[in-house]
Amino acid sequence: FKVASQPEGCVADDQRQRLFLGEEDVG
């Protein structure tokens, strides 16, 4: 999949099966 601009950091919540990702200039 893809986001609109440059990402980097991400972390997965294994228990809730949720992925958090950072889009550097967006949030």
mmCIF file of all heavy atoms, coordinates in Angstrom:
data_MODEL
# 
_entry.id   MODEL 
# 
loop_
_atom_site.group_PDB 
_atom_site.id 
_atom_site.type_symbol 
_atom_site.label_atom_id 
_atom_site.label_alt_id 
_atom_site.label_comp_id 
_atom_site.label_asym_id 
_atom_site.label_entity_id 
_atom_site.label_seq_id 
_atom_site.pdbx_PDB_ins_code 
_atom_site.Cartn_x 
_atom_site.Cartn_y 
_atom_site.Cartn_z 
_atom_site.occupancy 
_atom_site.B_iso_or_equiv 
_atom_site.pdbx_formal_charge 
_atom_site.auth_seq_id 
_atom_site.auth_comp_id 
_atom_site.auth_asym_id 
_atom_site.auth_atom_id 
_atom_site.pdbx_PDB_model_num 
ATOM 1   N N   . PHE A 1 1  ? 0.852  -1.186  0.000  1.00 0.00 ? 1  PHE A N   1 
ATOM 2   C CA  . PHE A 1 1  ? 0.000  0.000   0.000  1.00 0.00 ? 1  PHE A CA  1 
ATOM 3   C C   . PHE A 1 1  ? 0.886  1.233   0.000  1.00 0.00 ? 1  PHE A C   1 
ATOM 4   O O   . PHE A 1 1  ? 2.116  1.131   0.007  1.00 0.00 ? 1  PHE A O   1 
ATOM 5   C CB  . PHE A 1 1  ? -0.972 -0.015  1.198  1.00 0.00 ? 1  PHE A CB  1 
ATOM 6   C CG  . PHE A 1 1  ? -0.304 -0.079  2.545  1.00 0.00 ? 1  PHE A CG  1 
ATOM 7   C CD1 . PHE A 1 1  ? -0.009 1.077   3.260  1.00 0.00 ? 1  PHE A CD1 1 
ATOM 8   C CD2 . PHE A 1 1  ? 0.013  -1.310  3.122  1.00 0.00 ? 1  PHE A CD2 1 
ATOM 9   C CE1 . PHE A 1 1  ? 0.591  1.017   4.513  1.00 0.00 ? 1  PHE A CE1 1 
ATOM 10  C CE2 . PHE A 1 1  ? 0.614  -1.380  4.371  1.00 0.00 ? 1  PHE A CE2 1 
ATOM 11  C CZ  . PHE A 1 1  ? 0.903  -0.214  5.062  1.00 0.00 ? 1  PHE A CZ  1 
ATOM 12  N N   . LYS A 1 2  ? 0.261  2.411   0.001  1.00 0.00 ? 2  LYS A N   1 
ATOM 13  C CA  . LYS A 1 2  ? 1.052  3.631   -0.165 1.00 0.00 ? 2  LYS A CA  1 
ATOM 14  C C   . LYS A 1 2  ? 0.416  4.801   0.573  1.00 0.00 ? 2  LYS A C   1 
ATOM 15  O O   . LYS A 1 2  ? -0.808 4.876   0.692  1.00 0.00 ? 2  LYS A O   1 
ATOM 16  C CB  . LYS A 1 2  ? 1.176  3.966   -1.662 1.00 0.00 ? 2  LYS A CB  1 
ATOM 17  C CG  . LYS A 1 2  ? 2.221  5.019   -1.996 1.00 0.00 ? 2  LYS A CG  1 
ATOM 18  C CD  . LYS A 1 2  ? 2.473  5.103   -3.492 1.00 0.00 ? 2  LYS A CD  1 
ATOM 19  C CE  . LYS A 1 2  ? 3.601  6.081   -3.788 1.00 0.00 ? 2  LYS A CE  1 
ATOM 20  N NZ  . LYS A 1 2  ? 3.895  6.172   -5.232 1.00 0.00 ? 2  LYS A NZ  1 
ATOM 21  N N   . VAL A 1 3  ? 1.280  5.712   1.078  1.00 0.00 ? 3  VAL A N   1 
ATOM 22  C CA  . VAL A 1 3  ? 0.823  7.005   1.589  1.00 0.00 ? 3  VAL A CA  1 
ATOM 23  C C   . VAL A 1 3  ? 1.302  8.086   0.618  1.00 0.00 ? 3  VAL A C   1 
ATOM 24  O O   . VAL A 1 3  ? 2.113  7.828   -0.276 1.00 0.00 ? 3  VAL A O   1 
ATOM 25  C CB  . VAL A 1 3  ? 1.331  7.274   3.024  1.00 0.00 ? 3  VAL A CB  1 
ATOM 26  C CG1 . VAL A 1 3  ? 0.753  6.265   3.994  1.00 0.00 ? 3  VAL A CG1 1 
ATOM 27  C CG2 . VAL A 1 3  ? 2.854  7.282   3.092  1.00 0.00 ? 3  VAL A CG2 1 
ATOM 28  N N   . ALA A 1 4  ? 0.795  9.301   0.798  1.00 0.00 ? 4  ALA A N   1 
ATOM 29  C CA  . ALA A 1 4  ? 0.981  10.343  -0.219 1.00 0.00 ? 4  ALA A CA  1 
ATOM 30  C C   . ALA A 1 4  ? 2.377  10.958  -0.232 1.00 0.00 ? 4  ALA A C   1 
ATOM 31  O O   . ALA A 1 4  ? 2.811  11.483  -1.256 1.00 0.00 ? 4  ALA A O   1 
ATOM 32  C CB  . ALA A 1 4  ? -0.068 11.440  -0.032 1.00 0.00 ? 4  ALA A CB  1 
ATOM 33  N N   . SER A 1 5  ? 3.088  10.922  0.896  1.00 0.00 ? 5  SER A N   1 
ATOM 34  C CA  . SER A 1 5  ? 4.404  11.560  0.945  1.00 0.00 ? 5  SER A CA  1 
ATOM 35  C C   . SER A 1 5  ? 5.345  10.705  1.792  1.00 0.00 ? 5  SER A C   1 
ATOM 36  O O   . SER A 1 5  ? 5.006  9.592   2.176  1.00 0.00 ? 5  SER A O   1 
ATOM 37  C CB  . SER A 1 5  ? 4.296  12.984  1.498  1.00 0.00 ? 5  SER A CB  1 
ATOM 38  O OG  . SER A 1 5  ? 3.831  12.978  2.838  1.00 0.00 ? 5  SER A OG  1 
ATOM 39  N N   . GLN A 1 6  ? 6.523  11.230  2.103  1.00 0.00 ? 6  GLN A N   1 
ATOM 40  C CA  . GLN A 1 6  ? 7.576  10.415  2.717  1.00 0.00 ? 6  GLN A CA  1 
ATOM 41  C C   . GLN A 1 6  ? 7.213  9.941   4.115  1.00 0.00 ? 6  GLN A C   1 
ATOM 42  O O   . GLN A 1 6  ? 6.914  10.737  4.997  1.00 0.00 ? 6  GLN A O   1 
ATOM 43  C CB  . GLN A 1 6  ? 8.880  11.216  2.779  1.00 0.00 ? 6  GLN A CB  1 
ATOM 44  C CG  . GLN A 1 6  ? 10.040 10.423  3.362  1.00 0.00 ? 6  GLN A CG  1 
ATOM 45  C CD  . GLN A 1 6  ? 11.359 11.147  3.203  1.00 0.00 ? 6  GLN A CD  1 
ATOM 46  O OE1 . GLN A 1 6  ? 11.706 11.586  2.117  1.00 0.00 ? 6  GLN A OE1 1 
ATOM 47  N NE2 . GLN A 1 6  ? 12.107 11.273  4.276  1.00 0.00 ? 6  GLN A NE2 1 
ATOM 48  N N   . PRO A 1 7  ? 7.241  8.618   4.349  1.00 0.00 ? 7  PRO A N   1 
ATOM 49  C CA  . PRO A 1 7  ? 7.057  8.071   5.689  1.00 0.00 ? 7  PRO A CA  1 
ATOM 50  C C   . PRO A 1 7  ? 8.414  7.684   6.287  1.00 0.00 ? 7  PRO A C   1 
ATOM 51  O O   . PRO A 1 7  ? 9.445  7.847   5.641  1.00 0.00 ? 7  PRO A O   1 
ATOM 52  C CB  . PRO A 1 7  ? 6.232  6.805   5.412  1.00 0.00 ? 7  PRO A CB  1 
ATOM 53  C CG  . PRO A 1 7  ? 6.767  6.328   4.088  1.00 0.00 ? 7  PRO A CG  1 
ATOM 54  C CD  . PRO A 1 7  ? 7.270  7.545   3.331  1.00 0.00 ? 7  PRO A CD  1 
ATOM 55  N N   . GLU A 1 8  ? 8.403  7.206   7.521  1.00 0.00 ? 8  GLU A N   1 
ATOM 56  C CA  . GLU A 1 8  ? 9.565  6.492   8.056  1.00 0.00 ? 8  GLU A CA  1 
ATOM 57  C C   . GLU A 1 8  ? 9.140  5.591   9.209  1.00 0.00 ? 8  GLU A C   1 
ATOM 58  O O   . GLU A 1 8  ? 9.009  4.394   9.062  1.00 0.00 ? 8  GLU A O   1 
ATOM 59  C CB  . GLU A 1 8  ? 10.702 7.417   8.498  1.00 0.00 ? 8  GLU A CB  1 
ATOM 60  C CG  . GLU A 1 8  ? 11.917 6.600   8.926  1.00 0.00 ? 8  GLU A CG  1 
ATOM 61  C CD  . GLU A 1 8  ? 13.144 7.414   9.295  1.00 0.00 ? 8  GLU A CD  1 
ATOM 62  O OE1 . GLU A 1 8  ? 13.083 8.653   9.329  1.00 0.00 ? 8  GLU A OE1 1 
ATOM 63  O OE2 . GLU A 1 8  ? 14.183 6.789   9.571  1.00 0.00 ? 8  GLU A OE2 1 
ATOM 64  N N   . GLY A 1 9  ? 8.927  6.182   10.397 1.00 0.00 ? 9  GLY A N   1 
ATOM 65  C CA  . GLY A 1 9  ? 8.671  5.361   11.570 1.00 0.00 ? 9  GLY A CA  1 
ATOM 66  C C   . GLY A 1 9  ? 7.349  4.608   11.496 1.00 0.00 ? 9  GLY A C   1 
ATOM 67  O O   . GLY A 1 9  ? 6.364  5.093   10.943 1.00 0.00 ? 9  GLY A O   1 
ATOM 68  N N   . CYS A 1 10 ? 7.353  3.381   12.038 1.00 0.00 ? 10 CYS A N   1 
ATOM 69  C CA  . CYS A 1 10 ? 6.115  2.628   12.188 1.00 0.00 ? 10 CYS A CA  1 
ATOM 70  C C   . CYS A 1 10 ? 6.268  1.693   13.379 1.00 0.00 ? 10 CYS A C   1 
ATOM 71  O O   . CYS A 1 10 ? 7.377  1.387   13.813 1.00 0.00 ? 10 CYS A O   1 
ATOM 72  C CB  . CYS A 1 10 ? 5.746  1.859   10.918 1.00 0.00 ? 10 CYS A CB  1 
ATOM 73  S SG  . CYS A 1 10 ? 6.897  0.570   10.397 1.00 0.00 ? 10 CYS A SG  1 
ATOM 74  N N   . VAL A 1 11 ? 5.132  1.254   13.927 1.00 0.00 ? 11 VAL A N   1 
ATOM 75  C CA  . VAL A 1 11 ? 5.134  0.310   15.042 1.00 0.00 ? 11 VAL A CA  1 
ATOM 76  C C   . VAL A 1 11 ? 3.815  -0.442  15.015 1.00 0.00 ? 11 VAL A C   1 
ATOM 77  O O   . VAL A 1 11 ? 2.769  0.132   14.692 1.00 0.00 ? 11 VAL A O   1 
ATOM 78  C CB  . VAL A 1 11 ? 5.340  1.022   16.398 1.00 0.00 ? 11 VAL A CB  1 
ATOM 79  C CG1 . VAL A 1 11 ? 4.188  1.965   16.744 1.00 0.00 ? 11 VAL A CG1 1 
ATOM 80  C CG2 . VAL A 1 11 ? 5.554  0.012   17.527 1.00 0.00 ? 11 VAL A CG2 1 
ATOM 81  N N   . ALA A 1 12 ? 3.874  -1.734  15.331 1.00 0.00 ? 12 ALA A N   1 
ATOM 82  C CA  . ALA A 1 12 ? 2.672  -2.574  15.322 1.00 0.00 ? 12 ALA A CA  1 
ATOM 83  C C   . ALA A 1 12 ? 2.239  -2.904  16.740 1.00 0.00 ? 12 ALA A C   1 
ATOM 84  O O   . ALA A 1 12 ? 3.066  -3.246  17.586 1.00 0.00 ? 12 ALA A O   1 
ATOM 85  C CB  . ALA A 1 12 ? 2.934  -3.861  14.550 1.00 0.00 ? 12 ALA A CB  1 
ATOM 86  N N   . ASP A 1 13 ? 0.952  -2.772  16.987 1.00 0.00 ? 13 ASP A N   1 
ATOM 87  C CA  . ASP A 1 13 ? 0.322  -3.227  18.225 1.00 0.00 ? 13 ASP A CA  1 
ATOM 88  C C   . ASP A 1 13 ? -0.130 -4.669  17.968 1.00 0.00 ? 13 ASP A C   1 
ATOM 89  O O   . ASP A 1 13 ? -1.164 -4.906  17.360 1.00 0.00 ? 13 ASP A O   1 
ATOM 90  C CB  . ASP A 1 13 ? -0.862 -2.319  18.553 1.00 0.00 ? 13 ASP A CB  1 
ATOM 91  C CG  . ASP A 1 13 ? -1.537 -2.677  19.871 1.00 0.00 ? 13 ASP A CG  1 
ATOM 92  O OD1 . ASP A 1 13 ? -1.362 -3.815  20.349 1.00 0.00 ? 13 ASP A OD1 1 
ATOM 93  O OD2 . ASP A 1 13 ? -2.270 -1.823  20.407 1.00 0.00 ? 13 ASP A OD2 1 
ATOM 94  N N   . ASP A 1 14 ? 0.675  -5.629  18.436 1.00 0.00 ? 14 ASP A N   1 
ATOM 95  C CA  . ASP A 1 14 ? 0.393  -7.041  18.159 1.00 0.00 ? 14 ASP A CA  1 
ATOM 96  C C   . ASP A 1 14 ? -0.947 -7.481  18.742 1.00 0.00 ? 14 ASP A C   1 
ATOM 97  O O   . ASP A 1 14 ? -1.680 -8.254  18.122 1.00 0.00 ? 14 ASP A O   1 
ATOM 98  C CB  . ASP A 1 14 ? 1.516  -7.922  18.727 1.00 0.00 ? 14 ASP A CB  1 
ATOM 99  C CG  . ASP A 1 14 ? 2.850  -7.699  18.023 1.00 0.00 ? 14 ASP A CG  1 
ATOM 100 O OD1 . ASP A 1 14 ? 2.860  -7.077  16.935 1.00 0.00 ? 14 ASP A OD1 1 
ATOM 101 O OD2 . ASP A 1 14 ? 3.888  -8.137  18.561 1.00 0.00 ? 14 ASP A OD2 1 
ATOM 102 N N   . GLN A 1 15 ? -1.261 -6.993  19.957 1.00 0.00 ? 15 GLN A N   1 
ATOM 103 C CA  . GLN A 1 15 ? -2.486 -7.436  20.633 1.00 0.00 ? 15 GLN A CA  1 
ATOM 104 C C   . GLN A 1 15 ? -3.734 -6.997  19.884 1.00 0.00 ? 15 GLN A C   1 
ATOM 105 O O   . GLN A 1 15 ? -4.682 -7.762  19.719 1.00 0.00 ? 15 GLN A O   1 
ATOM 106 C CB  . GLN A 1 15 ? -2.518 -6.888  22.067 1.00 0.00 ? 15 GLN A CB  1 
ATOM 107 C CG  . GLN A 1 15 ? -1.388 -7.391  22.943 1.00 0.00 ? 15 GLN A CG  1 
ATOM 108 C CD  . GLN A 1 15 ? -1.309 -6.622  24.261 1.00 0.00 ? 15 GLN A CD  1 
ATOM 109 O OE1 . GLN A 1 15 ? -2.213 -5.871  24.606 1.00 0.00 ? 15 GLN A OE1 1 
ATOM 110 N NE2 . GLN A 1 15 ? -0.223 -6.810  25.000 1.00 0.00 ? 15 GLN A NE2 1 
ATOM 111 N N   . ARG A 1 16 ? -3.732 -5.748  19.425 1.00 0.00 ? 16 ARG A N   1 
ATOM 112 C CA  . ARG A 1 16 ? -4.929 -5.203  18.760 1.00 0.00 ? 16 ARG A CA  1 
ATOM 113 C C   . ARG A 1 16 ? -4.830 -5.296  17.236 1.00 0.00 ? 16 ARG A C   1 
ATOM 114 O O   . ARG A 1 16 ? -5.736 -4.854  16.538 1.00 0.00 ? 16 ARG A O   1 
ATOM 115 C CB  . ARG A 1 16 ? -5.141 -3.747  19.188 1.00 0.00 ? 16 ARG A CB  1 
ATOM 116 C CG  . ARG A 1 16 ? -5.382 -3.612  20.689 1.00 0.00 ? 16 ARG A CG  1 
ATOM 117 C CD  . ARG A 1 16 ? -5.570 -2.167  21.086 1.00 0.00 ? 16 ARG A CD  1 
ATOM 118 N NE  . ARG A 1 16 ? -5.750 -2.047  22.512 1.00 0.00 ? 16 ARG A NE  1 
ATOM 119 C CZ  . ARG A 1 16 ? -4.755 -1.916  23.394 1.00 0.00 ? 16 ARG A CZ  1 
ATOM 120 N NH1 . ARG A 1 16 ? -3.499 -1.896  22.973 1.00 0.00 ? 16 ARG A NH1 1 
ATOM 121 N NH2 . ARG A 1 16 ? -5.005 -1.813  24.692 1.00 0.00 ? 16 ARG A NH2 1 
ATOM 122 N N   . GLN A 1 17 ? -3.727 -5.860  16.750 1.00 0.00 ? 17 GLN A N   1 
ATOM 123 C CA  . GLN A 1 17 ? -3.507 -6.046  15.314 1.00 0.00 ? 17 GLN A CA  1 
ATOM 124 C C   . GLN A 1 17 ? -3.666 -4.721  14.564 1.00 0.00 ? 17 GLN A C   1 
ATOM 125 O O   . GLN A 1 17 ? -4.327 -4.627  13.537 1.00 0.00 ? 17 GLN A O   1 
ATOM 126 C CB  . GLN A 1 17 ? -4.441 -7.135  14.768 1.00 0.00 ? 17 GLN A CB  1 
ATOM 127 C CG  . GLN A 1 17 ? -4.262 -8.446  15.516 1.00 0.00 ? 17 GLN A CG  1 
ATOM 128 C CD  . GLN A 1 17 ? -5.166 -9.547  15.017 1.00 0.00 ? 17 GLN A CD  1 
ATOM 129 O OE1 . GLN A 1 17 ? -4.725 -10.477 14.393 1.00 0.00 ? 17 GLN A OE1 1 
ATOM 130 N NE2 . GLN A 1 17 ? -6.463 -9.413  15.282 1.00 0.00 ? 17 GLN A NE2 1 
ATOM 131 N N   . ARG A 1 18 ? -3.037 -3.698  15.150 1.00 0.00 ? 18 ARG A N   1 
ATOM 132 C CA  . ARG A 1 18 ? -3.114 -2.343  14.595 1.00 0.00 ? 18 ARG A CA  1 
ATOM 133 C C   . ARG A 1 18 ? -1.702 -1.868  14.257 1.00 0.00 ? 18 ARG A C   1 
ATOM 134 O O   . ARG A 1 18 ? -0.763 -2.072  15.033 1.00 0.00 ? 18 ARG A O   1 
ATOM 135 C CB  . ARG A 1 18 ? -3.767 -1.401  15.612 1.00 0.00 ? 18 ARG A CB  1 
ATOM 136 C CG  . ARG A 1 18 ? -3.903 0.041   15.122 1.00 0.00 ? 18 ARG A CG  1 
ATOM 137 C CD  . ARG A 1 18 ? -4.538 0.916   16.182 1.00 0.00 ? 18 ARG A CD  1 
ATOM 138 N NE  . ARG A 1 18 ? -5.962 0.634   16.327 1.00 0.00 ? 18 ARG A NE  1 
ATOM 139 C CZ  . ARG A 1 18 ? -6.569 0.425   17.487 1.00 0.00 ? 18 ARG A CZ  1 
ATOM 140 N NH1 . ARG A 1 18 ? -5.877 0.435   18.629 1.00 0.00 ? 18 ARG A NH1 1 
ATOM 141 N NH2 . ARG A 1 18 ? -7.866 0.192   17.522 1.00 0.00 ? 18 ARG A NH2 1 
ATOM 142 N N   . LEU A 1 19 ? -1.570 -1.233  13.121 1.00 0.00 ? 19 LEU A N   1 
ATOM 143 C CA  . LEU A 1 19 ? -0.291 -0.678  12.693 1.00 0.00 ? 19 LEU A CA  1 
ATOM 144 C C   . LEU A 1 19 ? -0.363 0.841   12.737 1.00 0.00 ? 19 LEU A C   1 
ATOM 145 O O   . LEU A 1 19 ? -1.303 1.437   12.213 1.00 0.00 ? 19 LEU A O   1 
ATOM 146 C CB  . LEU A 1 19 ? 0.033  -1.144  11.271 1.00 0.00 ? 19 LEU A CB  1 
ATOM 147 C CG  . LEU A 1 19 ? 1.319  -0.597  10.635 1.00 0.00 ? 19 LEU A CG  1 
ATOM 148 C CD1 . LEU A 1 19 ? 2.544  -1.111  11.376 1.00 0.00 ? 19 LEU A CD1 1 
ATOM 149 C CD2 . LEU A 1 19 ? 1.387  -0.986  9.160  1.00 0.00 ? 19 LEU A CD2 1 
ATOM 150 N N   . PHE A 1 20 ? 0.628  1.454   13.385 1.00 0.00 ? 20 PHE A N   1 
ATOM 151 C CA  . PHE A 1 20 ? 0.767  2.909   13.379 1.00 0.00 ? 20 PHE A CA  1 
ATOM 152 C C   . PHE A 1 20 ? 1.924  3.266   12.442 1.00 0.00 ? 20 PHE A C   1 
ATOM 153 O O   . PHE A 1 20 ? 2.985  2.632   12.489 1.00 0.00 ? 20 PHE A O   1 
ATOM 154 C CB  . PHE A 1 20 ? 1.087  3.451   14.771 1.00 0.00 ? 20 PHE A CB  1 
ATOM 155 C CG  . PHE A 1 20 ? -0.006 3.254   15.783 1.00 0.00 ? 20 PHE A CG  1 
ATOM 156 C CD1 . PHE A 1 20 ? 0.028  2.171   16.655 1.00 0.00 ? 20 PHE A CD1 1 
ATOM 157 C CD2 . PHE A 1 20 ? -1.066 4.137   15.876 1.00 0.00 ? 20 PHE A CD2 1 
ATOM 158 C CE1 . PHE A 1 20 ? -0.974 1.981   17.595 1.00 0.00 ? 20 PHE A CE1 1 
ATOM 159 C CE2 . PHE A 1 20 ? -2.074 3.957   16.811 1.00 0.00 ? 20 PHE A CE2 1 
ATOM 160 C CZ  . PHE A 1 20 ? -2.022 2.880   17.671 1.00 0.00 ? 20 PHE A CZ  1 
ATOM 161 N N   . LEU A 1 21 ? 1.732  4.284   11.614 1.00 0.00 ? 21 LEU A N   1 
ATOM 162 C CA  . LEU A 1 21 ? 2.823  4.719   10.749 1.00 0.00 ? 21 LEU A CA  1 
ATOM 163 C C   . LEU A 1 21 ? 2.867  6.232   10.693 1.00 0.00 ? 21 LEU A C   1 
ATOM 164 O O   . LEU A 1 21 ? 1.847  6.911   10.806 1.00 0.00 ? 21 LEU A O   1 
ATOM 165 C CB  . LEU A 1 21 ? 2.692  4.109   9.352  1.00 0.00 ? 21 LEU A CB  1 
ATOM 166 C CG  . LEU A 1 21 ? 1.440  4.384   8.530  1.00 0.00 ? 21 LEU A CG  1 
ATOM 167 C CD1 . LEU A 1 21 ? 1.614  5.636   7.675  1.00 0.00 ? 21 LEU A CD1 1 
ATOM 168 C CD2 . LEU A 1 21 ? 1.115  3.191   7.657  1.00 0.00 ? 21 LEU A CD2 1 
ATOM 169 N N   . GLY A 1 22 ? 4.074  6.741   10.534 1.00 0.00 ? 22 GLY A N   1 
ATOM 170 C CA  . GLY A 1 22 ? 4.282  8.186   10.484 1.00 0.00 ? 22 GLY A CA  1 
ATOM 171 C C   . GLY A 1 22 ? 4.544  8.666   9.074  1.00 0.00 ? 22 GLY A C   1 
ATOM 172 O O   . GLY A 1 22 ? 5.395  8.106   8.372  1.00 0.00 ? 22 GLY A O   1 
ATOM 173 N N   . GLU A 1 23 ? 3.804  9.687   8.649  1.00 0.00 ? 23 GLU A N   1 
ATOM 174 C CA  . GLU A 1 23 ? 4.079  10.386  7.396  1.00 0.00 ? 23 GLU A CA  1 
ATOM 175 C C   . GLU A 1 23 ? 4.727  11.705  7.828  1.00 0.00 ? 23 GLU A C   1 
ATOM 176 O O   . GLU A 1 23 ? 4.088  12.546  8.478  1.00 0.00 ? 23 GLU A O   1 
ATOM 177 C CB  . GLU A 1 23 ? 2.779  10.604  6.625  1.00 0.00 ? 23 GLU A CB  1 
ATOM 178 C CG  . GLU A 1 23 ? 2.965  10.995  5.190  1.00 0.00 ? 23 GLU A CG  1 
ATOM 179 C CD  . GLU A 1 23 ? 1.649  11.098  4.427  1.00 0.00 ? 23 GLU A CD  1 
ATOM 180 O OE1 . GLU A 1 23 ? 0.580  10.696  4.963  1.00 0.00 ? 23 GLU A OE1 1 
ATOM 181 O OE2 . GLU A 1 23 ? 1.679  11.594  3.291  1.00 0.00 ? 23 GLU A OE2 1 
ATOM 182 N N   . GLU A 1 24 ? 5.990  11.892  7.502  1.00 0.00 ? 24 GLU A N   1 
ATOM 183 C CA  . GLU A 1 24 ? 6.853  12.860  8.184  1.00 0.00 ? 24 GLU A CA  1 
ATOM 184 C C   . GLU A 1 24 ? 6.271  14.270  8.283  1.00 0.00 ? 24 GLU A C   1 
ATOM 185 O O   . GLU A 1 24 ? 6.359  14.912  9.324  1.00 0.00 ? 24 GLU A O   1 
ATOM 186 C CB  . GLU A 1 24 ? 8.229  12.901  7.518  1.00 0.00 ? 24 GLU A CB  1 
ATOM 187 C CG  . GLU A 1 24 ? 9.031  11.633  7.755  1.00 0.00 ? 24 GLU A CG  1 
ATOM 188 C CD  . GLU A 1 24 ? 10.493 11.769  7.373  1.00 0.00 ? 24 GLU A CD  1 
ATOM 189 O OE1 . GLU A 1 24 ? 10.856 12.791  6.737  1.00 0.00 ? 24 GLU A OE1 1 
ATOM 190 O OE2 . GLU A 1 24 ? 11.274 10.869  7.707  1.00 0.00 ? 24 GLU A OE2 1 
ATOM 191 N N   . ASP A 1 25 ? 5.692  14.783  7.197  1.00 0.00 ? 25 ASP A N   1 
ATOM 192 C CA  . ASP A 1 25 ? 5.192  16.162  7.195  1.00 0.00 ? 25 ASP A CA  1 
ATOM 193 C C   . ASP A 1 25 ? 3.694  16.251  7.444  1.00 0.00 ? 25 ASP A C   1 
ATOM 194 O O   . ASP A 1 25 ? 3.128  17.348  7.417  1.00 0.00 ? 25 ASP A O   1 
ATOM 195 C CB  . ASP A 1 25 ? 5.507  16.841  5.855  1.00 0.00 ? 25 ASP A CB  1 
ATOM 196 C CG  . ASP A 1 25 ? 6.993  17.022  5.651  1.00 0.00 ? 25 ASP A CG  1 
ATOM 197 O OD1 . ASP A 1 25 ? 7.720  17.162  6.652  1.00 0.00 ? 25 ASP A OD1 1 
ATOM 198 O OD2 . ASP A 1 25 ? 7.438  17.005  4.487  1.00 0.00 ? 25 ASP A OD2 1 
ATOM 199 N N   . VAL A 1 26 ? 3.037  15.117  7.667  1.00 0.00 ? 26 VAL A N   1 
ATOM 200 C CA  . VAL A 1 26 ? 1.572  15.087  7.743  1.00 0.00 ? 26 VAL A CA  1 
ATOM 201 C C   . VAL A 1 26 ? 1.075  14.693  9.130  1.00 0.00 ? 26 VAL A C   1 
ATOM 202 O O   . VAL A 1 26 ? 0.233  15.380  9.716  1.00 0.00 ? 26 VAL A O   1 
ATOM 203 C CB  . VAL A 1 26 ? 0.996  14.119  6.682  1.00 0.00 ? 26 VAL A CB  1 
ATOM 204 C CG1 . VAL A 1 26 ? -0.524 14.033  6.803  1.00 0.00 ? 26 VAL A CG1 1 
ATOM 205 C CG2 . VAL A 1 26 ? 1.397  14.573  5.285  1.00 0.00 ? 26 VAL A CG2 1 
ATOM 206 N N   . GLY A 1 27 ? 1.560  13.586  9.682  1.00 0.00 ? 27 GLY A N   1 
ATOM 207 C CA  . GLY A 1 27 ? 1.100  13.124  10.983 1.00 0.00 ? 27 GLY A CA  1 
ATOM 208 C C   . GLY A 1 27 ? 1.223  11.625  11.112 1.00 0.00 ? 27 GLY A C   1 
ATOM 209 O O   . GLY A 1 27 ? 2.033  10.985  10.428 1.00 0.00 ? 27 GLY A O   1 
# 
